[in-house]
Amino acid sequence: MSVELRHLDSEGIALELFDESFMKRADVESVLREYISTFQDAGFTGSRGNYRTAAGLQVKFVLDRWGWDERLGWGFVLHVQDNNHVDELGNPLEGFLTQIGAHTLTKRLGKKTLGGLYEDNPVLRSQLRNSWFPFDTPARLRAVLDLVLVPALEHARAWFDQVNAEGQ
């Protein structure tokens, strides 16, 4: 059973009505904590969506900046950067930042395999073309991470090795 809650402005006036079944950032972070051993097994340390290796490879779990959408759920990509090549502000230099999204792993995993995660929701499946990995529930986020996390981390490491080999 879901309960309707109201967002209140600073004066206590209801701004909008929403269903508590929507996912919050804390729900996403809770699911990510379940995968900390996967990151550690791949040589990463960190938490809360920000992971790095001792060699300077950093992977950030980035949520769609528009936030939760009741029809489309949420989406994420992985920002990958080489922290050995940054400017004075700590921003990665050109060529030392990339993104891993659905389009990156489609060839490796297969379009049908990736799309199979969304058989029950064609609207979410259609979002795979936008490069984001869409999800609408903690269970679907787990299913997506079960399928894509290890290949994504392997891809990130291969990219890191390649840019460092070219930079020498």
Protein backbone atom coordinates (compact mmCIF):
# COMPACT_ATOMS: atom_id res chain seq x y z
CA MET A 1 0.00 0.00 0.00
CA SER A 2 1.42 3.38 -0.89
CA VAL A 3 0.78 6.54 1.03
CA GLU A 4 0.47 9.95 -0.55
CA LEU A 5 2.81 12.55 0.88
CA ARG A 6 3.04 16.25 0.20
CA HIS A 7 6.12 18.36 -0.41
CA LEU A 8 5.80 21.51 1.68
CA ASP A 9 7.37 24.86 0.97
CA SER A 10 9.00 26.98 3.71
CA GLU A 11 5.58 28.21 4.85
CA GLY A 12 4.10 24.72 5.07
CA ILE A 13 1.99 25.03 1.93
CA ALA A 14 1.63 21.83 -0.11
CA LEU A 15 3.51 22.14 -3.39
CA GLU A 16 2.84 18.77 -5.00
CA LEU A 17 1.41 15.38 -4.30
CA PHE A 18 3.58 12.33 -4.82
CA ASP A 19 3.62 8.63 -4.16
CA GLU A 20 6.14 7.33 -1.63
CA SER A 21 6.99 4.44 -3.95
CA PHE A 22 9.44 6.66 -5.88
CA MET A 23 13.13 5.94 -5.38
CA LYS A 24 15.25 8.37 -3.42
CA ARG A 25 19.00 8.88 -3.75
CA ALA A 26 19.37 7.08 -0.40
CA ASP A 27 17.68 4.02 -1.94
CA VAL A 28 20.23 4.04 -4.76
CA GLU A 29 23.12 4.40 -2.32
CA SER A 30 21.74 1.50 -0.28
CA VAL A 31 21.76 -0.74 -3.37
CA LEU A 32 25.28 0.42 -4.28
CA ARG A 33 26.50 -0.60 -0.81
CA GLU A 34 25.44 -4.15 -1.66
CA TYR A 35 27.98 -4.12 -4.52
CA ILE A 36 31.00 -2.84 -2.58
CA SER A 37 32.64 -6.28 -2.75
CA THR A 38 32.36 -6.21 -6.56
CA PHE A 39 34.25 -2.91 -6.61
CA GLN A 40 36.81 -4.21 -4.11
CA ASP A 41 37.34 -7.41 -6.10
CA ALA A 42 38.11 -5.21 -9.12
CA GLY A 43 40.72 -3.27 -7.09
CA PHE A 44 38.63 -0.19 -6.22
CA THR A 45 38.18 1.58 -2.92
CA GLY A 46 35.57 4.18 -2.05
CA SER A 47 31.86 4.32 -1.43
CA ARG A 48 28.64 6.17 -2.19
CA GLY A 49 29.10 5.99 -5.93
CA ASN A 50 32.70 7.24 -6.07
CA TYR A 51 35.36 4.55 -6.49
CA ARG A 52 39.08 4.70 -7.36
CA THR A 53 42.16 2.56 -7.73
CA ALA A 54 45.61 3.29 -6.34
CA ALA A 55 46.82 3.75 -9.93
CA GLY A 56 44.54 6.78 -10.45
CA LEU A 57 41.49 5.30 -12.18
CA GLN A 58 38.26 6.82 -10.85
CA VAL A 59 34.72 5.60 -11.54
CA LYS A 60 31.72 7.69 -10.47
CA PHE A 61 28.16 6.42 -10.45
CA VAL A 62 26.22 9.42 -11.84
CA LEU A 63 22.45 9.67 -11.61
CA ASP A 64 20.39 11.50 -14.18
CA ARG A 65 20.45 15.14 -13.11
CA TRP A 66 16.73 15.52 -13.76
CA GLY A 67 16.02 13.07 -10.96
CA TRP A 68 13.19 10.64 -10.54
CA ASP A 69 10.48 10.53 -13.18
CA GLU A 70 7.38 8.49 -12.39
CA ARG A 71 7.15 7.19 -15.96
CA LEU A 72 10.84 6.80 -16.80
CA GLY A 73 12.28 6.03 -13.38
CA TRP A 74 15.88 7.09 -13.04
CA GLY A 75 19.01 6.50 -15.07
CA PHE A 76 22.73 6.25 -14.43
CA VAL A 77 26.00 6.27 -16.31
CA LEU A 78 29.52 5.71 -15.09
CA HIS A 79 31.95 8.61 -15.45
CA VAL A 80 35.47 7.27 -15.75
CA GLN A 81 38.56 9.44 -15.45
CA ASP A 82 42.30 9.17 -15.13
CA ASN A 83 43.27 11.19 -12.06
CA ASN A 84 46.92 11.17 -13.12
CA HIS A 85 46.12 13.73 -15.83
CA VAL A 86 44.24 16.64 -14.29
CA ASP A 87 44.50 20.43 -14.42
CA GLU A 88 45.20 22.69 -11.45
CA LEU A 89 41.51 22.52 -10.44
CA GLY A 90 41.48 18.72 -10.44
CA ASN A 91 39.46 18.40 -13.64
CA PRO A 92 40.58 15.67 -16.05
CA LEU A 93 42.46 16.82 -19.12
CA GLU A 94 40.94 16.27 -22.56
CA GLY A 95 41.13 12.63 -23.52
CA PHE A 96 41.32 11.41 -19.92
CA LEU A 97 37.58 11.29 -19.21
CA THR A 98 35.00 8.95 -20.67
CA GLN A 99 31.53 7.67 -19.94
CA ILE A 100 30.25 4.11 -19.79
CA GLY A 101 26.59 3.85 -20.61
CA ALA A 102 24.23 1.42 -22.23
CA HIS A 103 25.58 2.14 -25.71
CA THR A 104 29.11 1.30 -24.52
CA LEU A 105 28.22 -2.19 -23.35
CA THR A 106 25.50 -3.10 -25.86
CA LYS A 107 27.96 -4.69 -28.28
CA ARG A 108 29.70 -6.66 -25.54
CA LEU A 109 26.57 -7.86 -23.74
CA GLY A 110 24.20 -8.01 -26.68
CA LYS A 111 21.22 -5.81 -27.33
CA LYS A 112 18.76 -8.62 -26.51
CA THR A 113 20.47 -9.41 -23.21
CA LEU A 114 20.45 -5.80 -22.08
CA GLY A 115 16.94 -5.20 -23.40
CA GLY A 116 15.78 -8.37 -21.64
CA LEU A 117 16.07 -6.58 -18.32
CA TYR A 118 13.16 -4.42 -19.45
CA GLU A 119 10.79 -6.96 -21.05
CA ASP A 120 8.02 -5.84 -18.73
CA ASN A 121 8.55 -2.13 -19.40
CA PRO A 122 9.03 -1.05 -23.04
CA VAL A 123 9.20 2.62 -22.00
CA LEU A 124 12.31 1.95 -19.91
CA ARG A 125 13.74 -0.32 -22.62
CA SER A 126 13.45 2.54 -25.11
CA GLN A 127 15.65 4.67 -22.82
CA LEU A 128 18.63 2.40 -23.53
CA ARG A 129 19.11 4.37 -26.75
CA ASN A 130 19.89 7.46 -24.66
CA SER A 131 23.00 5.82 -23.20
CA TRP A 132 21.68 5.83 -19.64
CA PHE A 133 20.98 2.61 -17.78
CA PRO A 134 17.34 3.16 -16.71
CA PHE A 135 15.79 1.69 -13.57
CA ASP A 136 12.54 2.19 -11.70
CA THR A 137 12.88 0.00 -8.63
CA PRO A 138 15.69 -1.22 -6.37
CA ALA A 139 15.14 -4.72 -7.79
CA ARG A 140 15.66 -3.49 -11.36
CA LEU A 141 18.74 -1.50 -10.32
CA ARG A 142 20.16 -4.70 -8.81
CA ALA A 143 19.38 -6.63 -12.01
CA VAL A 144 21.11 -3.97 -14.11
CA LEU A 145 24.15 -3.90 -11.83
CA ASP A 146 24.32 -7.70 -11.78
CA LEU A 147 24.56 -7.67 -15.56
CA VAL A 148 26.66 -4.59 -16.32
CA LEU A 149 28.88 -3.75 -13.34
CA VAL A 150 31.72 -6.26 -13.87
CA PRO A 151 31.92 -5.68 -17.65
CA ALA A 152 31.78 -1.91 -17.05
CA LEU A 153 34.66 -2.03 -14.57
CA GLU A 154 36.66 -4.22 -16.97
CA HIS A 155 35.96 -1.71 -19.75
CA ALA A 156 37.04 1.17 -17.48
CA ARG A 157 40.31 -0.57 -16.65
CA ALA A 158 40.99 -1.36 -20.32
CA TRP A 159 40.31 2.28 -21.25
CA PHE A 160 42.62 3.46 -18.44
CA ASP A 161 45.42 1.13 -19.59
CA GLN A 162 44.98 2.29 -23.19
CA VAL A 163 45.09 6.04 -22.46
CA ASN A 164 48.11 5.57 -20.23
CA ALA A 165 49.92 3.48 -22.86
CA GLU A 166 49.23 6.18 -25.46
CA GLY A 167 50.32 8.95 -23.10
CA GLN A 168 53.79 7.49 -22.54
